[in-house]
Amino acid sequence: MSLLSQNVIPGNHGKTFGTNAMEENDLTAIKNSLLELEGIVDIILNTEIFPREFTVHTNQIVSLADIEHKVKSVGFHAIAKETFEL
């Protein structure tokens, strides 16, 4: 396991997650919950595709496990997509 595969690192790319949340208010609840985590500065929701996705941008290293647990606390699942290619 590498730093990139287990964490969201600061930068322009962020990390994209798929979720089973479907409704706009559910995605907003996920966004508000994640913004409570230290280091997360922005969440971009993509409601145009299925399954729904959101991208997390940080200003410090944040563990994927922390993000997944925070989303579970709202009642949904979050699965990180593949690491971007450089």
PDB file of N, CA and C in Angstrom:
ATOM      1  N   MET A   1       0.830  -1.173   0.000  1.00  0.00           N
ATOM      2  CA  MET A   1       0.000   0.000   0.000  1.00  0.00           C
ATOM      3  C   MET A   1       0.881   1.245   0.000  1.00  0.00           C
ATOM      4  N   SER A   2       0.472   2.233  -0.778  1.00  0.00           N
ATOM      5  CA  SER A   2       1.277   3.436  -0.889  1.00  0.00           C
ATOM      6  C   SER A   2       0.552   4.630  -0.285  1.00  0.00           C
ATOM      7  N   LEU A   3       1.277   5.705  -0.177  1.00  0.00           N
ATOM      8  CA  LEU A   3       0.711   6.944   0.340  1.00  0.00           C
ATOM      9  C   LEU A   3      -0.489   7.373  -0.493  1.00  0.00           C
ATOM     10  N   LEU A   4      -0.389   7.261  -1.807  1.00  0.00           N
ATOM     11  CA  LEU A   4      -1.478   7.687  -2.686  1.00  0.00           C
ATOM     12  C   LEU A   4      -2.698   6.780  -2.615  1.00  0.00           C
ATOM     13  N   SER A   5      -2.499   5.505  -2.387  1.00  0.00           N
ATOM     14  CA  SER A   5      -3.634   4.582  -2.392  1.00  0.00           C
ATOM     15  C   SER A   5      -4.406   4.581  -1.080  1.00  0.00           C
ATOM     16  N   GLN A   6      -3.830   5.077  -0.008  1.00  0.00           N
ATOM     17  CA  GLN A   6      -4.486   5.046   1.301  1.00  0.00           C
ATOM     18  C   GLN A   6      -4.874   6.417   1.840  1.00  0.00           C
ATOM     19  N   ASN A   7      -4.551   7.486   1.086  1.00  0.00           N
ATOM     20  CA  ASN A   7      -4.790   8.841   1.567  1.00  0.00           C
ATOM     21  C   ASN A   7      -5.213   9.756   0.432  1.00  0.00           C
ATOM     22  N   VAL A   8      -5.837  10.867   0.821  1.00  0.00           N
ATOM     23  CA  VAL A   8      -6.075  11.961  -0.109  1.00  0.00           C
ATOM     24  C   VAL A   8      -4.980  12.974   0.173  1.00  0.00           C
ATOM     25  N   ILE A   9      -4.229  13.322  -0.856  1.00  0.00           N
ATOM     26  CA  ILE A   9      -3.128  14.261  -0.661  1.00  0.00           C
ATOM     27  C   ILE A   9      -3.557  15.643  -1.158  1.00  0.00           C
ATOM     28  N   PRO A  10      -2.975  16.696  -0.601  1.00  0.00           N
ATOM     29  CA  PRO A  10      -3.314  18.054  -1.050  1.00  0.00           C
ATOM     30  C   PRO A  10      -2.936  18.247  -2.518  1.00  0.00           C
ATOM     31  N   GLY A  11      -3.694  19.077  -3.198  1.00  0.00           N
ATOM     32  CA  GLY A  11      -3.384  19.355  -4.596  1.00  0.00           C
ATOM     33  C   GLY A  11      -4.642  19.630  -5.397  1.00  0.00           C
ATOM     34  N   ASN A  12      -4.464  19.842  -6.687  1.00  0.00           N
ATOM     35  CA  ASN A  12      -5.571  20.195  -7.571  1.00  0.00           C
ATOM     36  C   ASN A  12      -6.443  19.008  -7.963  1.00  0.00           C
ATOM     37  N   HIS A  13      -5.906  17.793  -7.892  1.00  0.00           N
ATOM     38  CA  HIS A  13      -6.637  16.625  -8.383  1.00  0.00           C
ATOM     39  C   HIS A  13      -7.703  16.140  -7.417  1.00  0.00           C
ATOM     40  N   GLY A  14      -7.418  16.161  -6.132  1.00  0.00           N
ATOM     41  CA  GLY A  14      -8.344  15.602  -5.163  1.00  0.00           C
ATOM     42  C   GLY A  14      -8.456  14.097  -5.337  1.00  0.00           C
ATOM     43  N   LYS A  15      -9.473  13.527  -4.746  1.00  0.00           N
ATOM     44  CA  LYS A  15      -9.726  12.081  -4.850  1.00  0.00           C
ATOM     45  C   LYS A  15     -11.217  11.906  -5.082  1.00  0.00           C
ATOM     46  N   THR A  16     -11.579  11.089  -6.053  1.00  0.00           N
ATOM     47  CA  THR A  16     -12.976  10.868  -6.405  1.00  0.00           C
ATOM     48  C   THR A  16     -13.472   9.575  -5.778  1.00  0.00           C
ATOM     49  N   PHE A  17     -14.699   9.641  -5.257  1.00  0.00           N
ATOM     50  CA  PHE A  17     -15.354   8.507  -4.616  1.00  0.00           C
ATOM     51  C   PHE A  17     -16.698   8.265  -5.288  1.00  0.00           C
ATOM     52  N   GLY A  18     -17.079   6.994  -5.413  1.00  0.00           N
ATOM     53  CA  GLY A  18     -18.422   6.629  -5.817  1.00  0.00           C
ATOM     54  C   GLY A  18     -19.249   6.409  -4.562  1.00  0.00           C
ATOM     55  N   THR A  19     -20.556   6.673  -4.649  1.00  0.00           N
ATOM     56  CA  THR A  19     -21.422   6.493  -3.488  1.00  0.00           C
ATOM     57  C   THR A  19     -22.775   5.935  -3.911  1.00  0.00           C
ATOM     58  N   ASN A  20     -23.446   5.293  -2.968  1.00  0.00           N
ATOM     59  CA  ASN A  20     -24.779   4.764  -3.230  1.00  0.00           C
ATOM     60  C   ASN A  20     -25.874   5.775  -2.906  1.00  0.00           C
ATOM     61  N   ALA A  21     -25.531   6.964  -2.458  1.00  0.00           N
ATOM     62  CA  ALA A  21     -26.522   8.017  -2.220  1.00  0.00           C
ATOM     63  C   ALA A  21     -27.064   8.480  -3.571  1.00  0.00           C
ATOM     64  N   MET A  22     -28.364   8.683  -3.667  1.00  0.00           N
ATOM     65  CA  MET A  22     -28.975   9.054  -4.940  1.00  0.00           C
ATOM     66  C   MET A  22     -29.574  10.454  -4.927  1.00  0.00           C
ATOM     67  N   GLU A  23     -30.202  10.820  -3.823  1.00  0.00           N
ATOM     68  CA  GLU A  23     -30.923  12.087  -3.745  1.00  0.00           C
ATOM     69  C   GLU A  23     -29.980  13.250  -3.459  1.00  0.00           C
ATOM     70  N   GLU A  24     -30.360  14.419  -3.944  1.00  0.00           N
ATOM     71  CA  GLU A  24     -29.560  15.632  -3.747  1.00  0.00           C
ATOM     72  C   GLU A  24     -29.352  15.938  -2.267  1.00  0.00           C
ATOM     73  N   ASN A  25     -30.412  15.757  -1.464  1.00  0.00           N
ATOM     74  CA  ASN A  25     -30.273  16.051  -0.023  1.00  0.00           C
ATOM     75  C   ASN A  25     -29.358  15.046   0.673  1.00  0.00           C
ATOM     76  N   ASP A  26     -29.297  13.807   0.198  1.00  0.00           N
ATOM     77  CA  ASP A  26     -28.374  12.817   0.762  1.00  0.00           C
ATOM     78  C   ASP A  26     -26.925  13.189   0.434  1.00  0.00           C
ATOM     79  N   LEU A  27     -26.692  13.615  -0.789  1.00  0.00           N
ATOM     80  CA  LEU A  27     -25.346  14.028  -1.190  1.00  0.00           C
ATOM     81  C   LEU A  27     -24.907  15.281  -0.429  1.00  0.00           C
ATOM     82  N   THR A  28     -25.849  16.185  -0.188  1.00  0.00           N
ATOM     83  CA  THR A  28     -25.537  17.382   0.595  1.00  0.00           C
ATOM     84  C   THR A  28     -25.199  17.007   2.030  1.00  0.00           C
ATOM     85  N   ALA A  29     -25.900  16.012   2.589  1.00  0.00           N
ATOM     86  CA  ALA A  29     -25.592  15.548   3.948  1.00  0.00           C
ATOM     87  C   ALA A  29     -24.189  14.950   4.005  1.00  0.00           C
ATOM     88  N   ILE A  30     -23.801  14.196   2.977  1.00  0.00           N
ATOM     89  CA  ILE A  30     -22.446  13.641   2.906  1.00  0.00           C
ATOM     90  C   ILE A  30     -21.430  14.778   2.841  1.00  0.00           C
ATOM     91  N   LYS A  31     -21.691  15.754   1.990  1.00  0.00           N
ATOM     92  CA  LYS A  31     -20.774  16.890   1.835  1.00  0.00           C
ATOM     93  C   LYS A  31     -20.590  17.627   3.158  1.00  0.00           C
ATOM     94  N   ASN A  32     -21.688  17.949   3.828  1.00  0.00           N
ATOM     95  CA  ASN A  32     -21.605  18.675   5.097  1.00  0.00           C
ATOM     96  C   ASN A  32     -20.876  17.868   6.157  1.00  0.00           C
ATOM     97  N   SER A  33     -21.094  16.564   6.179  1.00  0.00           N
ATOM     98  CA  SER A  33     -20.417  15.697   7.141  1.00  0.00           C
ATOM     99  C   SER A  33     -18.911  15.669   6.887  1.00  0.00           C
ATOM    100  N   LEU A  34     -18.526  15.536   5.627  1.00  0.00           N
ATOM    101  CA  LEU A  34     -17.100  15.469   5.291  1.00  0.00           C
ATOM    102  C   LEU A  34     -16.378  16.785   5.559  1.00  0.00           C
ATOM    103  N   LEU A  35     -17.066  17.901   5.388  1.00  0.00           N
ATOM    104  CA  LEU A  35     -16.432  19.197   5.631  1.00  0.00           C
ATOM    105  C   LEU A  35     -16.085  19.400   7.104  1.00  0.00           C
ATOM    106  N   GLU A  36     -16.641  18.565   7.983  1.00  0.00           N
ATOM    107  CA  GLU A  36     -16.299  18.623   9.407  1.00  0.00           C
ATOM    108  C   GLU A  36     -14.919  18.026   9.687  1.00  0.00           C
ATOM    109  N   LEU A  37     -14.422  17.174   8.782  1.00  0.00           N
ATOM    110  CA  LEU A  37     -13.110  16.558   8.983  1.00  0.00           C
ATOM    111  C   LEU A  37     -12.000  17.590   8.796  1.00  0.00           C
ATOM    112  N   GLU A  38     -11.010  17.527   9.657  1.00  0.00           N
ATOM    113  CA  GLU A  38      -9.873  18.439   9.564  1.00  0.00           C
ATOM    114  C   GLU A  38      -9.083  18.157   8.291  1.00  0.00           C
ATOM    115  N   GLY A  39      -8.788  19.207   7.542  1.00  0.00           N
ATOM    116  CA  GLY A  39      -7.996  19.076   6.332  1.00  0.00           C
ATOM    117  C   GLY A  39      -8.806  19.097   5.050  1.00  0.00           C
ATOM    118  N   ILE A  40     -10.114  18.849   5.117  1.00  0.00           N
ATOM    119  CA  ILE A  40     -10.943  18.867   3.909  1.00  0.00           C
ATOM    120  C   ILE A  40     -11.418  20.295   3.667  1.00  0.00           C
ATOM    121  N   VAL A  41     -11.137  20.806   2.466  1.00  0.00           N
ATOM    122  CA  VAL A  41     -11.475  22.193   2.160  1.00  0.00           C
ATOM    123  C   VAL A  41     -12.604  22.325   1.141  1.00  0.00           C
ATOM    124  N   ASP A  42     -12.856  21.286   0.335  1.00  0.00           N
ATOM    125  CA  ASP A  42     -13.891  21.396  -0.683  1.00  0.00           C
ATOM    126  C   ASP A  42     -14.367  20.009  -1.095  1.00  0.00           C
ATOM    127  N   ILE A  43     -15.664  19.925  -1.382  1.00  0.00           N
ATOM    128  CA  ILE A  43     -16.274  18.701  -1.905  1.00  0.00           C
ATOM    129  C   ILE A  43     -17.032  19.093  -3.170  1.00  0.00           C
ATOM    130  N   ILE A  44     -16.749  18.423  -4.271  1.00  0.00           N
ATOM    131  CA  ILE A  44     -17.467  18.674  -5.520  1.00  0.00           C
ATOM    132  C   ILE A  44     -18.358  17.469  -5.792  1.00  0.00           C
ATOM    133  N   LEU A  45     -19.665  17.710  -5.903  1.00  0.00           N
ATOM    134  CA  LEU A  45     -20.640  16.650  -6.149  1.00  0.00           C
ATOM    135  C   LEU A  45     -20.886  16.516  -7.646  1.00  0.00           C
ATOM    136  N   ASN A  46     -20.943  15.283  -8.139  1.00  0.00           N
ATOM    137  CA  ASN A  46     -21.279  15.016  -9.533  1.00  0.00           C
ATOM    138  C   ASN A  46     -22.574  14.218  -9.549  1.00  0.00           C
ATOM    139  N   THR A  47     -23.686  14.912  -9.842  1.00  0.00           N
ATOM    140  CA  THR A  47     -25.000  14.272  -9.819  1.00  0.00           C
ATOM    141  C   THR A  47     -25.478  13.884 -11.215  1.00  0.00           C
ATOM    142  N   GLU A  48     -24.627  14.080 -12.216  1.00  0.00           N
ATOM    143  CA  GLU A  48     -25.012  13.798 -13.597  1.00  0.00           C
ATOM    144  C   GLU A  48     -24.798  12.344 -13.997  1.00  0.00           C
ATOM    145  N   ILE A  49     -24.071  11.580 -13.199  1.00  0.00           N
ATOM    146  CA  ILE A  49     -23.741  10.206 -13.572  1.00  0.00           C
ATOM    147  C   ILE A  49     -24.262   9.233 -12.521  1.00  0.00           C
ATOM    148  N   PHE A  50     -24.267   7.959 -12.884  1.00  0.00           N
ATOM    149  CA  PHE A  50     -24.628   6.905 -11.941  1.00  0.00           C
ATOM    150  C   PHE A  50     -23.516   5.869 -11.951  1.00  0.00           C
ATOM    151  N   PRO A  51     -23.035   5.410 -10.824  1.00  0.00           N
ATOM    152  CA  PRO A  51     -23.378   5.901  -9.487  1.00  0.00           C
ATOM    153  C   PRO A  51     -22.836   7.310  -9.261  1.00  0.00           C
ATOM    154  N   ARG A  52     -23.481   8.013  -8.344  1.00  0.00           N
ATOM    155  CA  ARG A  52     -23.077   9.378  -8.023  1.00  0.00           C
ATOM    156  C   ARG A  52     -21.637   9.399  -7.528  1.00  0.00           C
ATOM    157  N   GLU A  53     -20.972  10.521  -7.774  1.00  0.00           N
ATOM    158  CA  GLU A  53     -19.584  10.673  -7.347  1.00  0.00           C
ATOM    159  C   GLU A  53     -19.398  12.000  -6.633  1.00  0.00           C
ATOM    160  N   PHE A  54     -18.383  12.033  -5.779  1.00  0.00           N
ATOM    161  CA  PHE A  54     -17.951  13.298  -5.200  1.00  0.00           C
ATOM    162  C   PHE A  54     -16.432  13.296  -5.148  1.00  0.00           C
ATOM    163  N   THR A  55     -15.861  14.481  -5.292  1.00  0.00           N
ATOM    164  CA  THR A  55     -14.410  14.647  -5.278  1.00  0.00           C
ATOM    165  C   THR A  55     -14.027  15.460  -4.055  1.00  0.00           C
ATOM    166  N   VAL A  56     -13.059  14.955  -3.313  1.00  0.00           N
ATOM    167  CA  VAL A  56     -12.605  15.577  -2.070  1.00  0.00           C
ATOM    168  C   VAL A  56     -11.280  16.287  -2.329  1.00  0.00           C
ATOM    169  N   HIS A  57     -11.215  17.563  -1.949  1.00  0.00           N
ATOM    170  CA  HIS A  57      -9.981  18.348  -2.026  1.00  0.00           C
ATOM    171  C   HIS A  57      -9.538  18.679  -0.612  1.00  0.00           C
ATOM    172  N   THR A  58      -8.235  18.555  -0.359  1.00  0.00           N
ATOM    173  CA  THR A  58      -7.710  18.753   0.992  1.00  0.00           C
ATOM    174  C   THR A  58      -6.541  19.733   0.995  1.00  0.00           C
ATOM    175  N   ASN A  59      -6.223  20.218   2.202  1.00  0.00           N
ATOM    176  CA  ASN A  59      -5.027  21.042   2.369  1.00  0.00           C
ATOM    177  C   ASN A  59      -3.990  20.331   3.232  1.00  0.00           C
ATOM    178  N   GLN A  60      -4.275  19.067   3.570  1.00  0.00           N
ATOM    179  CA  GLN A  60      -3.327  18.205   4.272  1.00  0.00           C
ATOM    180  C   GLN A  60      -3.699  16.762   3.961  1.00  0.00           C
ATOM    181  N   ILE A  61      -2.848  15.822   4.328  1.00  0.00           N
ATOM    182  CA  ILE A  61      -3.126  14.406   4.066  1.00  0.00           C
ATOM    183  C   ILE A  61      -4.289  13.940   4.942  1.00  0.00           C
ATOM    184  N   VAL A  62      -5.289  13.322   4.304  1.00  0.00           N
ATOM    185  CA  VAL A  62      -6.460  12.791   5.004  1.00  0.00           C
ATOM    186  C   VAL A  62      -6.612  11.325   4.605  1.00  0.00           C
ATOM    187  N   SER A  63      -6.807  10.460   5.582  1.00  0.00           N
ATOM    188  CA  SER A  63      -6.934   9.025   5.354  1.00  0.00           C
ATOM    189  C   SER A  63      -8.245   8.686   4.639  1.00  0.00           C
ATOM    190  N   LEU A  64      -8.172   7.753   3.681  1.00  0.00           N
ATOM    191  CA  LEU A  64      -9.388   7.273   3.020  1.00  0.00           C
ATOM    192  C   LEU A  64     -10.334   6.634   4.024  1.00  0.00           C
ATOM    193  N   ALA A  65      -9.784   5.933   5.004  1.00  0.00           N
ATOM    194  CA  ALA A  65     -10.610   5.276   6.021  1.00  0.00           C
ATOM    195  C   ALA A  65     -11.426   6.300   6.799  1.00  0.00           C
ATOM    196  N   ASP A  66     -10.838   7.452   7.116  1.00  0.00           N
ATOM    197  CA  ASP A  66     -11.572   8.501   7.831  1.00  0.00           C
ATOM    198  C   ASP A  66     -12.748   9.003   7.000  1.00  0.00           C
ATOM    199  N   ILE A  67     -12.522   9.177   5.711  1.00  0.00           N
ATOM    200  CA  ILE A  67     -13.589   9.641   4.818  1.00  0.00           C
ATOM    201  C   ILE A  67     -14.685   8.587   4.709  1.00  0.00           C
ATOM    202  N   GLU A  68     -14.300   7.330   4.533  1.00  0.00           N
ATOM    203  CA  GLU A  68     -15.285   6.252   4.415  1.00  0.00           C
ATOM    204  C   GLU A  68     -16.117   6.120   5.685  1.00  0.00           C
ATOM    205  N   HIS A  69     -15.489   6.229   6.853  1.00  0.00           N
ATOM    206  CA  HIS A  69     -16.221   6.132   8.125  1.00  0.00           C
ATOM    207  C   HIS A  69     -17.176   7.308   8.305  1.00  0.00           C
ATOM    208  N   LYS A  70     -16.762   8.490   7.881  1.00  0.00           N
ATOM    209  CA  LYS A  70     -17.616   9.672   8.012  1.00  0.00           C
ATOM    210  C   LYS A  70     -18.849   9.536   7.124  1.00  0.00           C
ATOM    211  N   VAL A  71     -18.673   9.013   5.917  1.00  0.00           N
ATOM    212  CA  VAL A  71     -19.810   8.809   5.018  1.00  0.00           C
ATOM    213  C   VAL A  71     -20.728   7.720   5.577  1.00  0.00           C
ATOM    214  N   LYS A  72     -20.161   6.658   6.144  1.00  0.00           N
ATOM    215  CA  LYS A  72     -20.976   5.599   6.757  1.00  0.00           C
ATOM    216  C   LYS A  72     -21.820   6.135   7.900  1.00  0.00           C
ATOM    217  N   SER A  73     -21.304   7.131   8.630  1.00  0.00           N
ATOM    218  CA  SER A  73     -22.055   7.698   9.757  1.00  0.00           C
ATOM    219  C   SER A  73     -23.317   8.415   9.283  1.00  0.00           C
ATOM    220  N   VAL A  74     -23.361   8.802   8.008  1.00  0.00           N
ATOM    221  CA  VAL A  74     -24.546   9.435   7.436  1.00  0.00           C
ATOM    222  C   VAL A  74     -25.499   8.375   6.876  1.00  0.00           C
ATOM    223  N   GLY A  75     -25.014   7.139   6.723  1.00  0.00           N
ATOM    224  CA  GLY A  75     -25.866   6.050   6.262  1.00  0.00           C
ATOM    225  C   GLY A  75     -25.602   5.591   4.841  1.00  0.00           C
ATOM    226  N   PHE A  76     -24.473   5.969   4.277  1.00  0.00           N
ATOM    227  CA  PHE A  76     -24.152   5.601   2.902  1.00  0.00           C
ATOM    228  C   PHE A  76     -22.744   5.027   2.826  1.00  0.00           C
ATOM    229  N   HIS A  77     -22.358   4.613   1.640  1.00  0.00           N
ATOM    230  CA  HIS A  77     -21.022   4.062   1.422  1.00  0.00           C
ATOM    231  C   HIS A  77     -20.256   4.964   0.465  1.00  0.00           C
ATOM    232  N   ALA A  78     -18.938   4.965   0.613  1.00  0.00           N
ATOM    233  CA  ALA A  78     -18.053   5.692  -0.296  1.00  0.00           C
ATOM    234  C   ALA A  78     -16.919   4.759  -0.692  1.00  0.00           C
ATOM    235  N   ILE A  79     -16.693   4.651  -1.986  1.00  0.00           N
ATOM    236  CA  ILE A  79     -15.624   3.794  -2.491  1.00  0.00           C
ATOM    237  C   ILE A  79     -14.701   4.652  -3.345  1.00  0.00           C
ATOM    238  N   ALA A  80     -13.427   4.689  -2.962  1.00  0.00           N
ATOM    239  CA  ALA A  80     -12.450   5.493  -3.694  1.00  0.00           C
ATOM    240  C   ALA A  80     -12.221   4.912  -5.079  1.00  0.00           C
ATOM    241  N   LYS A  81     -12.145   5.790  -6.055  1.00  0.00           N
ATOM    242  CA  LYS A  81     -11.825   5.366  -7.415  1.00  0.00           C
ATOM    243  C   LYS A  81     -10.319   5.255  -7.549  1.00  0.00           C
ATOM    244  N   GLU A  82      -9.863   4.773  -8.675  1.00  0.00           N
ATOM    245  CA  GLU A  82      -8.439   4.546  -8.921  1.00  0.00           C
ATOM    246  C   GLU A  82      -7.625   5.821  -8.800  1.00  0.00           C
ATOM    247  N   THR A  83      -6.367   5.657  -8.450  1.00  0.00           N
ATOM    248  CA  THR A  83      -5.436   6.769  -8.383  1.00  0.00           C
ATOM    249  C   THR A  83      -5.183   7.296  -9.789  1.00  0.00           C
ATOM    250  N   PHE A  84      -5.136   8.612  -9.927  1.00  0.00           N
ATOM    251  CA  PHE A  84      -4.910   9.226 -11.232  1.00  0.00           C
ATOM    252  C   PHE A  84      -3.520   8.889 -11.763  1.00  0.00           C
ATOM    253  N   GLU A  85      -3.373   8.917 -13.078  1.00  0.00           N
ATOM    254  CA  GLU A  85      -2.077   8.634 -13.695  1.00  0.00           C
ATOM    255  C   GLU A  85      -1.344   9.933 -13.937  1.00  0.00           C
ATOM    256  N   LEU A  86      -0.047   9.922 -13.677  1.00  0.00           N
ATOM    257  CA  LEU A  86       0.768  11.116 -13.913  1.00  0.00           C
ATOM    258  C   LEU A  86       1.414  11.051 -15.276  1.00  0.00           C
TER     259      LEU A  86
END
